Amino acid sequence: MSSVRIEITKRKCQAYGNCVARAPSVFALGDDRKVELVNPEGASDEMIVQAAKSCPYRVIAVSDSAGQPICPPPRK
């Protein structure tokens, strides 16, 4: 069960599908070829973070249960 929060900026999606390849039970490409969140509980936190990191356009943001950013990492 996932304990992370997932946010998607759909307008930035370029349909590479890396996230779907890494976590197919969590993400899918919709009819518009943009990423969609289909099941936020569908993979481990680690798999979700890896899927987010695989996106070249940083479409997926992941934060922990306290709201702290995990991916992309916070800017310093």
Protein backbone atom coordinates (compact mmCIF):
# COMPACT_ATOMS: atom_id res chain seq x y z
CA MET A 1 0.00 0.00 0.00
CA SER A 2 1.30 3.43 -0.94
CA SER A 3 1.72 6.22 1.60
CA VAL A 4 2.84 8.89 -0.86
CA ARG A 5 0.83 11.64 -2.51
CA ILE A 6 0.95 11.79 -6.31
CA GLU A 7 0.27 14.89 -8.40
CA ILE A 8 0.22 14.99 -12.18
CA THR A 9 0.67 18.03 -14.43
CA LYS A 10 -1.11 16.54 -17.41
CA ARG A 11 -0.48 19.45 -19.80
CA LYS A 12 3.27 18.77 -19.63
CA CYS A 13 2.93 15.07 -20.56
CA GLN A 14 4.54 14.09 -23.86
CA ALA A 15 3.35 10.43 -23.78
CA TYR A 16 6.75 8.79 -23.40
CA GLY A 17 5.09 6.12 -21.26
CA ASN A 18 8.06 5.54 -18.96
CA CYS A 19 5.83 5.86 -15.91
CA VAL A 20 3.39 3.30 -17.31
CA ALA A 21 6.23 0.89 -18.04
CA ARG A 22 7.52 1.18 -14.46
CA ALA A 23 4.19 1.21 -12.59
CA PRO A 24 1.42 0.00 -14.93
CA SER A 25 -1.04 -0.59 -12.11
CA VAL A 26 -0.70 3.06 -11.02
CA PHE A 27 -0.40 5.02 -14.28
CA ALA A 28 -1.94 4.73 -17.74
CA LEU A 29 -2.06 6.82 -20.89
CA GLY A 30 -5.57 8.05 -21.57
CA ASP A 31 -7.35 8.50 -24.88
CA ASP A 32 -5.64 11.89 -25.16
CA ARG A 33 -2.22 10.15 -24.80
CA LYS A 34 -1.64 11.97 -21.49
CA VAL A 35 -0.76 10.22 -18.24
CA GLU A 36 -3.58 9.40 -15.84
CA LEU A 37 -3.52 8.17 -12.27
CA VAL A 38 -5.54 4.95 -12.25
CA ASN A 39 -4.69 3.47 -8.84
CA PRO A 40 -2.53 5.40 -6.35
CA GLU A 41 -2.39 2.27 -4.17
CA GLY A 42 -1.31 0.01 -7.03
CA ALA A 43 2.43 -0.16 -6.29
CA SER A 44 4.98 0.38 -3.58
CA ASP A 45 6.20 3.87 -2.77
CA GLU A 46 9.57 2.96 -4.25
CA MET A 47 8.02 1.90 -7.57
CA ILE A 48 5.94 5.08 -7.72
CA VAL A 49 9.01 7.26 -7.07
CA GLN A 50 10.98 5.37 -9.74
CA ALA A 51 8.12 5.89 -12.21
CA ALA A 52 8.06 9.62 -11.43
CA LYS A 53 11.84 9.87 -11.82
CA SER A 54 11.62 8.16 -15.21
CA CYS A 55 9.60 11.02 -16.70
CA PRO A 56 11.82 13.32 -18.76
CA TYR A 57 9.31 16.18 -18.39
CA ARG A 58 8.77 15.86 -14.62
CA VAL A 59 5.05 15.46 -15.07
CA ILE A 60 4.65 13.43 -11.87
CA ALA A 61 5.38 14.90 -8.45
CA VAL A 62 5.54 12.65 -5.41
CA SER A 63 5.50 13.82 -1.80
CA ASP A 64 5.54 11.96 1.49
CA SER A 65 2.63 11.75 3.93
CA ALA A 66 3.80 14.99 5.59
CA GLY A 67 3.73 16.81 2.24
CA GLN A 68 7.50 16.96 1.79
CA PRO A 69 8.61 16.59 -1.85
CA ILE A 70 10.34 13.35 -2.77
CA CYS A 71 10.40 13.65 -6.52
CA PRO A 72 11.34 15.96 -8.00
CA PRO A 73 13.60 16.77 -5.04
CA PRO A 74 13.15 20.13 -3.36
CA ARG A 75 15.24 22.94 -4.79
CA LYS A 76 17.98 24.26 -2.54
